[in-house]
Protein backbone atom coordinates (compact mmCIF):
# COMPACT_ATOMS: atom_id res chain seq x y z
CA UNK A 1 135.50 80.84 151.68
CA UNK A 2 134.96 78.79 148.49
CA UNK A 3 135.03 80.82 144.80
CA UNK A 4 131.99 79.24 142.74
CA UNK A 5 131.56 79.98 138.89
CA UNK A 6 129.00 77.18 138.10
CA UNK A 7 126.24 75.04 139.72
CA UNK A 8 124.76 77.87 141.62
CA UNK A 9 121.56 75.86 142.00
CA UNK A 10 123.03 73.23 144.09
CA UNK A 11 124.97 75.75 146.14
CA UNK A 12 121.85 77.91 146.95
CA UNK A 13 119.76 74.72 147.79
CA UNK A 14 122.58 73.17 150.11
CA UNK A 15 121.56 75.31 153.40
CA UNK A 16 121.51 73.64 156.91
CA UNK A 17 118.16 71.88 156.39
CA UNK A 18 118.46 70.31 159.93
CA UNK A 19 117.74 73.69 161.67
CA UNK A 20 115.01 75.96 160.95
CA UNK A 21 116.77 79.28 160.39
CA UNK A 22 116.04 82.71 159.12
CA UNK A 23 116.63 83.04 155.17
CA UNK A 24 117.59 86.16 153.88
CA UNK A 25 117.45 87.30 150.09
CA UNK A 26 118.65 90.19 148.17
CA UNK A 27 117.89 89.64 144.42
CA UNK A 28 116.60 92.30 141.98
CA UNK A 29 114.61 89.69 139.97
CA UNK A 30 113.04 87.02 141.40
CA UNK A 31 110.75 84.24 139.35
CA UNK A 32 108.20 82.11 140.49
CA UNK A 33 109.29 78.72 139.85
CA UNK A 34 113.14 79.38 141.10
CA UNK A 35 111.65 80.65 144.22
CA UNK A 36 109.33 77.66 144.66
CA UNK A 37 112.17 75.18 144.06
CA UNK A 38 114.31 76.89 146.71
CA UNK A 39 111.79 76.88 149.52
CA UNK A 40 110.96 73.13 148.82
CA UNK A 41 114.45 72.42 149.32
CA UNK A 42 114.63 74.70 152.59
CA UNK A 43 112.24 75.23 155.44
CA UNK A 44 113.22 78.37 156.99
CA UNK A 45 111.57 79.38 159.95
CA UNK A 46 111.05 83.13 158.65
CA UNK A 47 111.95 84.72 155.17
CA UNK A 48 112.88 88.35 154.46
CA UNK A 49 113.34 89.36 151.01
CA UNK A 50 114.72 92.66 149.21
CA UNK A 51 113.88 92.91 145.73
CA UNK A 52 112.61 95.52 142.93
CA UNK A 53 109.06 96.52 142.66
CA UNK A 54 109.81 97.95 139.25
CA UNK A 55 106.64 97.01 137.16
CA UNK A 56 108.51 97.13 133.88
CA UNK A 57 110.56 94.40 135.04
CA UNK A 58 107.56 92.53 135.67
CA UNK A 59 106.11 93.20 132.50
CA UNK A 60 109.08 92.27 130.47
CA UNK A 61 109.10 89.00 132.16
CA UNK A 62 112.51 89.43 133.98
CA UNK A 63 110.86 89.33 137.43
CA UNK A 64 107.33 87.84 138.44
CA UNK A 65 104.89 89.17 140.45
CA UNK A 66 103.36 85.90 141.26
CA UNK A 67 106.79 84.99 142.85
CA UNK A 68 106.08 87.83 145.45
CA UNK A 69 102.52 86.66 145.93
CA UNK A 70 103.94 83.03 146.74
CA UNK A 71 106.45 84.50 148.93
CA UNK A 72 103.66 86.59 151.11
CA UNK A 73 101.47 83.05 151.23
CA UNK A 74 104.66 81.56 152.65
CA UNK A 75 104.80 84.13 155.41
CA UNK A 76 107.49 86.02 154.05
CA UNK A 77 108.22 89.91 154.59
CA UNK A 78 109.22 91.42 151.26
CA UNK A 79 110.42 94.99 150.56
CA UNK A 80 111.66 96.83 147.38
CA UNK A 81 114.40 99.11 146.41
CA UNK A 82 114.82 101.25 143.27
CA UNK A 83 118.14 100.45 141.31
CA UNK A 84 118.97 97.47 143.32
CA UNK A 85 121.87 95.21 141.87
CA UNK A 86 123.29 93.23 144.91
CA UNK A 87 122.62 89.40 144.95
CA UNK A 88 122.81 88.10 148.52
CA UNK A 89 121.44 85.11 150.06
CA UNK A 90 121.82 84.42 153.82
CA UNK A 91 120.92 81.44 155.79
CA UNK A 92 121.04 82.36 159.80
CA UNK A 93 124.41 82.83 161.02
CA UNK A 94 125.87 79.97 159.10
CA UNK A 95 126.29 80.78 155.53
CA UNK A 96 126.10 83.80 153.27
CA UNK A 97 126.72 83.65 149.14
CA UNK A 98 127.47 86.80 147.49
CA UNK A 99 127.19 86.32 143.68
CA UNK A 100 126.10 87.86 140.34
CA UNK A 101 123.10 85.43 140.02
CA UNK A 102 119.60 86.38 140.28
CA UNK A 103 117.03 84.19 141.52
CA UNK A 104 115.82 83.15 138.13
CA UNK A 105 116.40 79.94 136.40
CA UNK A 106 118.57 81.48 134.08
CA UNK A 107 120.84 83.05 136.91
CA UNK A 108 120.98 79.44 138.55
CA UNK A 109 121.32 77.45 135.60
CA UNK A 110 122.35 78.94 132.22
CA UNK A 111 124.07 82.31 132.79
CA UNK A 112 127.61 82.71 133.53
CA UNK A 113 127.73 83.77 136.95
CA UNK A 114 130.49 84.18 139.54
CA UNK A 115 130.64 84.73 143.24
CA UNK A 116 131.76 83.34 146.73
CA UNK A 117 130.16 81.17 149.36
CA UNK A 118 131.33 82.03 153.13
CA UNK A 119 131.05 80.03 156.24
CA UNK A 120 132.84 81.87 158.66
CA UNK A 121 130.52 83.50 161.52
CA UNK A 122 132.54 86.72 161.10
CA UNK A 123 131.85 87.33 157.41
CA UNK A 124 128.26 85.99 157.58
CA UNK A 125 127.75 88.61 160.43
CA UNK A 126 129.00 91.22 158.08
CA UNK A 127 126.39 90.13 155.37
CA UNK A 128 123.67 90.38 157.83
CA UNK A 129 124.73 93.82 158.77
CA UNK A 130 124.72 95.03 155.07
CA UNK A 131 120.90 93.24 154.84
CA UNK A 132 120.00 95.21 158.10
CA UNK A 133 121.46 98.58 156.37
CA UNK A 134 118.97 97.88 153.14
CA UNK A 135 116.19 97.00 155.54
CA UNK A 136 113.31 99.55 156.38
CA UNK A 137 110.68 100.09 158.71
CA UNK A 138 107.49 97.81 158.52
CA UNK A 139 105.49 100.55 156.47
CA UNK A 140 107.59 99.69 153.74
CA UNK A 141 106.57 96.12 153.75
CA UNK A 142 104.65 94.69 150.54
CA UNK A 143 100.86 93.93 151.26
CA UNK A 144 98.90 91.57 149.44
CA UNK A 145 96.34 94.58 148.50
CA UNK A 146 99.14 96.40 146.93
CA UNK A 147 100.40 93.24 144.92
CA UNK A 148 96.92 92.76 143.79
CA UNK A 149 96.98 96.40 142.21
CA UNK A 150 100.25 95.92 140.55
CA UNK A 151 99.33 92.46 139.13
CA UNK A 152 96.27 94.07 137.60
CA UNK A 153 98.15 96.86 136.36
CA UNK A 154 100.68 94.57 134.45
CA UNK A 155 98.03 92.60 133.32
CA UNK A 156 96.20 95.73 131.85
CA UNK A 157 99.12 96.75 129.91
CA UNK A 158 99.49 93.26 128.52
CA UNK A 159 95.92 92.78 127.70
CA UNK A 160 95.56 96.09 126.01
CA UNK A 161 98.44 95.62 123.51
CA UNK A 162 101.57 96.39 125.28
CA UNK A 163 104.43 98.58 124.02
CA UNK A 164 103.28 98.25 120.19
CA UNK A 165 100.43 97.53 118.23
CA UNK A 166 99.11 101.07 118.43
CA UNK A 167 98.02 100.87 121.86
CA UNK A 168 99.92 103.08 124.35
CA UNK A 169 101.18 100.86 127.33
CA UNK A 170 100.05 102.41 130.52
CA UNK A 171 102.91 103.89 132.15
CA UNK A 172 104.17 101.35 134.70
CA UNK A 173 105.69 102.69 137.94
CA UNK A 174 108.52 101.59 140.10
CA UNK A 175 107.12 101.26 143.55
CA UNK A 176 110.50 100.76 145.26
CA UNK A 177 112.02 103.21 147.81
CA UNK A 178 114.93 104.97 147.38
CA UNK A 179 117.98 103.27 149.65
CA UNK A 180 121.06 104.94 150.78
CA UNK A 181 124.06 104.34 148.83
CA UNK A 182 121.92 102.85 145.80
CA UNK A 183 121.49 105.45 142.80
CA UNK A 184 118.12 104.40 141.08
CA UNK A 185 118.93 106.60 138.05
CA UNK A 186 121.96 104.29 136.94
CA UNK A 187 121.49 102.51 133.64
CA UNK A 188 119.54 99.18 134.58
CA UNK A 189 122.15 96.92 132.71
CA UNK A 190 121.51 93.95 135.45
CA UNK A 191 118.51 92.48 133.43
CA UNK A 192 120.36 92.70 129.85
CA UNK A 193 120.34 89.01 128.54
CA UNK A 194 116.94 88.18 130.33
CA UNK A 195 114.51 90.74 129.16
CA UNK A 196 112.46 89.92 126.38
CA UNK A 197 111.49 93.20 124.90
CA UNK A 198 110.13 94.36 121.51
CA UNK A 199 113.24 95.03 119.59
CA UNK A 200 117.06 94.15 119.55
CA UNK A 201 116.90 92.59 123.30
CA UNK A 202 114.37 89.99 122.07
CA UNK A 203 117.17 87.49 120.62
CA UNK A 204 119.02 87.72 123.82
CA UNK A 205 116.07 86.39 125.62
CA UNK A 206 116.98 83.28 127.46
CA UNK A 207 115.37 80.14 125.54
CA UNK A 208 112.09 78.93 127.51
CA UNK A 209 109.38 77.90 125.12
CA UNK A 210 108.56 79.22 121.70
CA UNK A 211 105.85 77.87 119.35
CA UNK A 212 104.58 78.72 115.56
CA UNK A 213 101.05 79.17 115.70
CA UNK A 214 99.55 78.09 112.25
CA UNK A 215 96.71 80.69 110.79
CA UNK A 216 94.45 79.61 108.07
CA UNK A 217 93.49 76.15 106.79
CA UNK A 218 94.63 74.19 103.73
CA UNK A 219 91.52 74.84 101.96
CA UNK A 220 92.08 78.86 102.14
CA UNK A 221 95.78 79.22 101.84
CA UNK A 222 96.62 82.85 100.50
CA UNK A 223 98.96 84.35 97.92
CA UNK A 224 102.57 85.59 98.58
CA UNK A 225 101.41 88.77 97.53
CA UNK A 226 98.52 88.76 100.17
CA UNK A 227 98.74 92.01 102.46
CA UNK A 228 99.98 91.29 105.93
CA UNK A 229 97.84 93.88 107.50
CA UNK A 230 94.65 92.11 105.99
CA UNK A 231 95.84 88.69 107.96
CA UNK A 232 96.25 90.85 111.22
CA UNK A 233 92.84 92.23 110.97
CA UNK A 234 91.31 88.97 109.82
CA UNK A 235 92.92 86.88 112.29
CA UNK A 236 93.29 89.18 115.27
CA UNK A 237 96.69 87.90 115.97
CA UNK A 238 97.71 91.45 116.98
CA UNK A 239 96.07 90.60 120.59
CA UNK A 240 94.97 86.84 120.40
CA UNK A 241 95.65 83.57 118.52
CA UNK A 242 92.69 81.63 117.97
CA UNK A 243 92.46 77.82 118.78
CA UNK A 244 89.79 75.23 117.69
CA UNK A 245 86.76 74.83 119.82
CA UNK A 246 87.77 71.03 120.77
CA UNK A 247 91.35 72.30 122.23
CA UNK A 248 92.14 74.21 124.95
CA UNK A 249 95.67 75.95 124.32
CA UNK A 250 97.45 74.44 127.55
CA UNK A 251 100.73 74.66 126.51
CA UNK A 252 101.74 78.10 126.04
CA UNK A 253 103.02 79.76 129.24
CA UNK A 254 103.30 83.70 130.28
CA UNK A 255 106.14 84.92 128.54
CA UNK A 256 106.61 82.37 126.00
CA UNK A 257 107.16 83.43 122.25
CA UNK A 258 104.52 82.82 119.51
CA UNK A 259 105.43 83.08 115.88
CA UNK A 260 102.79 83.46 113.42
CA UNK A 261 102.66 81.49 110.24
CA UNK A 262 100.12 81.79 107.64
CA UNK A 263 99.34 79.04 105.21
CA UNK A 264 100.28 79.97 101.50
CA UNK A 265 100.13 78.93 97.81
CA UNK A 266 103.17 78.46 95.73
CA UNK A 267 103.80 77.02 92.24
CA UNK A 268 105.58 74.02 92.95
CA UNK A 269 104.62 73.30 96.66
CA UNK A 270 102.71 74.88 99.63
CA UNK A 271 104.12 76.49 102.33
CA UNK A 272 104.19 78.37 105.56
CA UNK A 273 105.41 82.14 106.10
CA UNK A 274 106.33 83.05 109.37
CA UNK A 275 105.32 86.97 109.28
CA UNK A 276 105.49 88.14 112.68
CA UNK A 277 105.72 87.24 116.75
CA UNK A 278 104.48 88.35 119.94
CA UNK A 279 104.83 87.24 123.70
CA UNK A 280 102.10 84.89 124.83
CA UNK A 281 99.80 85.03 128.06
CA UNK A 282 98.48 81.85 129.48
CA UNK A 283 95.30 80.77 128.61
CA UNK A 284 92.31 81.34 131.26
CA UNK A 285 89.38 79.07 130.77
CA UNK A 286 86.56 81.90 131.66
CA UNK A 287 88.47 85.09 130.15
CA UNK A 288 89.95 83.60 126.72
CA UNK A 289 86.63 82.47 125.00
CA UNK A 290 85.18 84.49 122.16
CA UNK A 291 82.22 86.20 123.04
CA UNK A 292 79.11 86.10 120.77
CA UNK A 293 79.89 89.66 119.68
CA UNK A 294 83.53 88.91 118.63
CA UNK A 295 82.08 85.97 116.63
CA UNK A 296 79.68 88.02 114.91
CA UNK A 297 81.99 90.78 114.30
CA UNK A 298 84.90 88.39 112.93
CA UNK A 299 85.70 87.96 109.29
CA UNK A 300 84.86 84.55 107.45
CA UNK A 301 83.53 83.34 110.85
CA UNK A 302 87.00 83.06 111.96
CA UNK A 303 85.98 83.43 115.98
CA UNK A 304 83.48 80.98 115.49
CA UNK A 305 85.74 78.02 114.37
CA UNK A 306 88.82 79.14 116.42
CA UNK A 307 86.89 80.44 119.70
CA UNK A 308 89.47 79.50 122.20
CA UNK A 309 92.58 81.53 122.34
CA UNK A 310 95.44 82.95 124.23
CA UNK A 311 96.08 86.48 124.48
CA UNK A 312 99.21 88.07 123.15
CA UNK A 313 101.18 91.31 123.61
CA UNK A 314 103.81 93.25 122.10
CA UNK A 315 103.05 91.85 118.61
CA UNK A 316 105.55 92.59 116.15
CA UNK A 317 104.98 92.02 112.08
CA UNK A 318 106.75 92.58 109.02
CA UNK A 319 105.49 95.23 106.82
CA UNK A 320 104.36 94.23 103.22
CA UNK A 321 103.13 91.21 101.99
CA UNK A 322 103.09 87.63 103.64
CA UNK A 323 105.90 86.80 101.24
CA UNK A 324 108.06 89.15 103.23
CA UNK A 325 108.29 86.76 105.81
CA UNK A 326 110.36 83.35 106.55
CA UNK A 327 109.38 80.43 104.96
CA UNK A 328 109.31 77.47 107.20
CA UNK A 329 110.26 75.10 104.63
CA UNK A 330 113.75 76.52 104.59
CA UNK A 331 114.00 75.84 108.53
CA UNK A 332 112.79 72.38 108.30
CA UNK A 333 115.34 71.71 105.48
CA UNK A 334 118.08 73.05 107.33
CA UNK A 335 117.27 71.88 110.71
CA UNK A 336 115.63 68.57 110.02
CA UNK A 337 114.46 66.70 113.10
CA UNK A 338 115.80 69.43 115.38
CA UNK A 339 113.33 71.81 114.00
CA UNK A 340 110.52 70.78 116.33
CA UNK A 341 110.47 69.66 119.93
CA UNK A 342 108.61 66.52 119.22
CA UNK A 343 110.78 65.08 116.32
CA UNK A 344 113.72 66.08 118.38
CA UNK A 345 112.81 63.88 121.18
CA UNK A 346 111.93 61.13 119.05
CA UNK A 347 115.35 61.20 117.63
CA UNK A 348 116.77 61.16 120.82
CA UNK A 349 115.13 58.02 121.99
CA UNK A 350 115.43 56.27 118.68
CA UNK A 351 111.99 55.76 117.68
CA UNK A 352 109.02 57.43 116.40
CA UNK A 353 108.46 60.25 113.39
CA UNK A 354 111.45 62.08 112.75
CA UNK A 355 109.87 64.15 109.59
CA UNK A 356 109.10 67.81 110.70
CA UNK A 357 106.38 68.10 108.20
CA UNK A 358 104.33 65.36 109.30
CA UNK A 359 104.60 66.75 113.07
CA UNK A 360 102.56 69.86 112.37
CA UNK A 361 99.87 68.11 109.96
CA UNK A 362 96.22 69.01 111.78
CA UNK A 363 98.03 70.63 114.60
CA UNK A 364 97.14 74.29 115.29
CA UNK A 365 100.64 75.13 116.66
CA UNK A 366 104.15 73.56 117.15
CA UNK A 367 106.74 73.90 119.63
CA UNK A 368 110.27 74.81 118.37
CA UNK A 369 113.57 73.50 119.59
CA UNK A 370 116.07 76.07 121.25
CA UNK A 371 117.86 75.71 117.93
CA UNK A 372 114.77 76.59 115.61
CA UNK A 373 113.95 79.47 117.96
CA UNK A 374 117.31 81.05 117.55
CA UNK A 375 117.58 80.48 113.90
CA UNK A 376 113.99 81.47 113.14
CA UNK A 377 114.23 84.55 115.78
CA UNK A 378 117.28 85.85 113.75
CA UNK A 379 115.94 85.60 110.37
CA UNK A 380 112.78 87.31 111.31
CA UNK A 381 114.70 90.12 112.68
CA UNK A 382 116.39 90.45 109.62
CA UNK A 383 113.17 90.66 107.68
CA UNK A 384 112.00 93.38 110.09
CA UNK A 385 115.17 95.43 108.89
CA UNK A 386 114.65 94.97 105.39
CA UNK A 387 110.86 95.33 104.88
CA UNK A 388 110.01 97.35 108.03
CA UNK A 389 107.45 96.56 110.92
CA UNK A 390 103.84 97.34 110.61
CA UNK A 391 103.40 100.75 111.90
CA UNK A 392 101.34 101.30 115.22
CA UNK A 393 98.94 103.46 113.34
CA UNK A 394 97.40 100.58 111.28
CA UNK A 395 96.04 98.99 114.53
CA UNK A 396 94.15 102.18 115.93
CA UNK A 397 90.83 101.22 114.18
CA UNK A 398 90.93 97.39 114.88
CA UNK A 399 89.04 95.91 117.88
CA UNK A 400 90.27 95.65 121.23
CA UNK A 401 88.99 93.51 123.95
CA UNK A 402 87.80 95.09 127.44
CA UNK A 403 89.91 94.45 130.59
CA UNK A 404 87.37 92.29 132.80
CA UNK A 405 87.88 92.06 136.49
CA UNK A 406 86.66 89.72 139.01
CA UNK A 407 83.61 90.44 141.06
CA UNK A 408 85.22 89.89 144.36
CA UNK A 409 88.83 88.98 145.11
CA UNK A 410 89.43 87.71 148.74
CA UNK A 411 91.16 85.19 150.88
CA UNK A 412 91.29 82.44 153.24
CA UNK A 413 93.62 80.81 155.85
CA UNK A 414 94.30 77.09 155.00
CA UNK A 415 93.37 75.12 158.31
CA UNK A 416 94.33 71.84 159.35
CA UNK A 417 90.81 70.64 158.99
CA UNK A 418 90.58 72.08 155.61
CA UNK A 419 93.92 70.59 154.35
CA UNK A 420 92.82 67.06 155.33
CA UNK A 421 89.43 67.01 154.12
CA UNK A 422 89.29 69.29 150.73
CA UNK A 423 86.87 72.00 151.88
CA UNK A 424 86.78 75.69 153.23
CA UNK A 425 84.68 78.45 154.24
CA UNK A 426 84.46 81.45 152.42
CA UNK A 427 84.77 84.76 153.95
CA UNK A 428 81.71 86.62 155.37
CA UNK A 429 81.78 89.00 152.62
CA UNK A 430 81.25 86.63 150.03
CA UNK A 431 77.79 85.84 151.38
CA UNK A 432 75.69 88.09 148.82
CA UNK A 433 76.77 85.90 145.97
CA UNK A 434 75.33 82.51 147.32
CA UNK A 435 71.55 82.13 148.55
CA UNK A 436 71.02 80.03 151.58
CA UNK A 437 70.72 76.32 151.11
CA UNK A 438 72.70 73.74 148.98
CA UNK A 439 74.27 74.25 145.34
CA UNK A 440 75.38 70.99 144.00
CA UNK A 441 77.43 70.85 140.92
CA UNK A 442 76.46 73.90 139.20
CA UNK A 443 79.33 75.82 140.36
CA UNK A 444 83.06 75.31 139.25
CA UNK A 445 86.24 76.01 141.13
CA UNK A 446 89.45 76.80 139.02
CA UNK A 447 92.85 76.07 140.26
CA UNK A 448 96.20 76.01 138.29
CA UNK A 449 95.37 74.38 135.12
CA UNK A 450 92.22 72.29 136.43
CA UNK A 451 88.73 72.75 137.63
CA UNK A 452 86.29 70.67 139.25
CA UNK A 453 82.43 70.85 140.23
CA UNK A 454 81.82 72.07 143.88
CA UNK A 455 79.10 72.05 146.25
CA UNK A 456 78.29 75.12 148.36
CA UNK A 457 76.18 74.87 151.63
CA UNK A 458 75.31 77.98 153.39
CA UNK A 459 73.30 77.66 156.56
CA UNK A 460 73.37 77.49 160.33
CA UNK A 461 74.15 73.87 160.32
CA UNK A 462 77.47 74.46 158.78
CA UNK A 463 78.38 77.37 160.85
CA UNK A 464 76.47 79.88 163.03
CA UNK A 465 77.62 82.87 160.93
CA UNK A 466 75.99 81.43 157.95
CA UNK A 467 79.60 81.67 155.96
CA UNK A 468 79.35 79.61 152.51
CA UNK A 469 81.20 76.61 152.58
CA UNK A 470 82.92 75.11 149.70
CA UNK A 471 83.04 71.01 149.29
CA UNK A 472 85.63 70.04 146.62
CA UNK A 473 86.54 66.35 148.02
CA UNK A 474 89.42 64.52 147.24
CA UNK A 475 90.61 66.72 144.18
CA UNK A 476 90.93 69.95 146.23
CA UNK A 477 92.54 67.78 149.07
CA UNK A 478 95.10 66.72 146.50
CA UNK A 479 95.46 70.17 145.39
CA UNK A 480 95.97 71.78 148.82
CA UNK A 481 98.38 68.97 150.12
CA UNK A 482 100.61 69.45 146.67
CA UNK A 483 100.85 73.00 146.43
CA UNK A 484 100.17 74.49 150.11
CA UNK A 485 100.92 74.06 153.70
CA UNK A 486 98.80 74.36 156.77
CA UNK A 487 98.56 77.87 157.65
CA UNK A 488 99.14 79.38 154.39
CA UNK A 489 96.91 82.29 153.22
CA UNK A 490 95.26 81.53 149.79
CA UNK A 491 93.56 84.00 147.59
CA UNK A 492 90.34 83.65 145.92
CA UNK A 493 88.45 85.25 143.07
CA UNK A 494 84.76 85.18 142.46
CA UNK A 495 84.59 85.40 138.54
CA UNK A 496 80.89 84.95 138.28
CA UNK A 497 78.18 83.48 140.74
CA UNK A 498 79.22 80.14 139.22
CA UNK A 499 82.88 80.41 139.25
CA UNK A 500 85.49 80.51 141.76
CA UNK A 501 89.07 80.63 141.27
CA UNK A 502 92.04 79.96 143.76
CA UNK A 503 95.30 82.27 142.85
């Protein structure tokens, strides 16, 4: 036995890689980047996972449903238990780790965690017996259809405003089962320090990425007595943050923190006042573009100028006037080059711009350093306490987008020929979307943050069942070989008749 209180990442990765053995995981919270990293380092023969199926945890960003999708695609069997707090990692009969660390980046890198590594067969066998005691019959295994429904529920809750902004968040369920010896009614304190919820826990969230989104332009600055509620309605910042037509907002990811800053007029020098914050949803090309109706209804043609956007949820704004916010000039005077990530990086390498005021000129948003996030977050919380928060009732008459779903969600298995050549056959149920013949270059395939024009053939020469065949060439082959393995099950959405998306 070895006692470990640090470097958990290397401990969990240092399994016996020479033998393909069974990997068993017990972890209440699992994040996608962490499980991807783990399975890239290890090549287990089969994977069994016990976690939670509490959708509120996924909404708050503590755990990722996309991590469970990745596990299913890798052939893992996944079950969920209510009130689960154990963290256990077992590799075959050789090694077991009992720890306080969840399978998250914070758990393996930044949090103070403690535990033990065991390599004697007797103790490892006892850990496997504990796992067997938690494991249930096959009827409790997670399926792709269940997971797809859960992902839609969480996305609906975010798109419709979340827990604040006058929109009642749909009640999200815990789909885990009750297990013997675990009380699901116990207070859920395991995730404190990882949850980013609207309120006091926000400052406890481990730093990931944070941005200041600038609202307004240099020629339409507002006075400090401009009402916050007017700016919220004008910009739509309670549900989305607009970016110019020429730029797709690629940097913000799901769960990142977005601070809203309004350009203002001041007697001696102009400034930017931070008056609110929200949680980001990653930009989706086919979804997050202003509709013609949204542009027509926007105040001062706001949506026409800033027609690409990221959606946000759990927005929170200081009550009263813009002047009740936090002046960005004070942050820059205090932290100087450590205000923003670009200037901090330049300082570290010894060249480039170090003036934070120069770094956000002509930029719709700017990424904060960890020091700046903590500084700004603390001061904005103080402003919320002093001036109050815009009440829910203020949003009820405002525009809210509709939740749109894919026309069809299906899947295919990545065969060796597909993997090596960059094409695949669409399932039979997709035939109604594509006419017989050859469609060249008018359809796009979305994958990750990229997309490419594709050719779809549907005829008996391609295959006797006349299933549509998608040809993506070298780019699609590269995507397959970088992100998947032969035999993986890949989900696919038909967004429209001319847009397909790998998920």
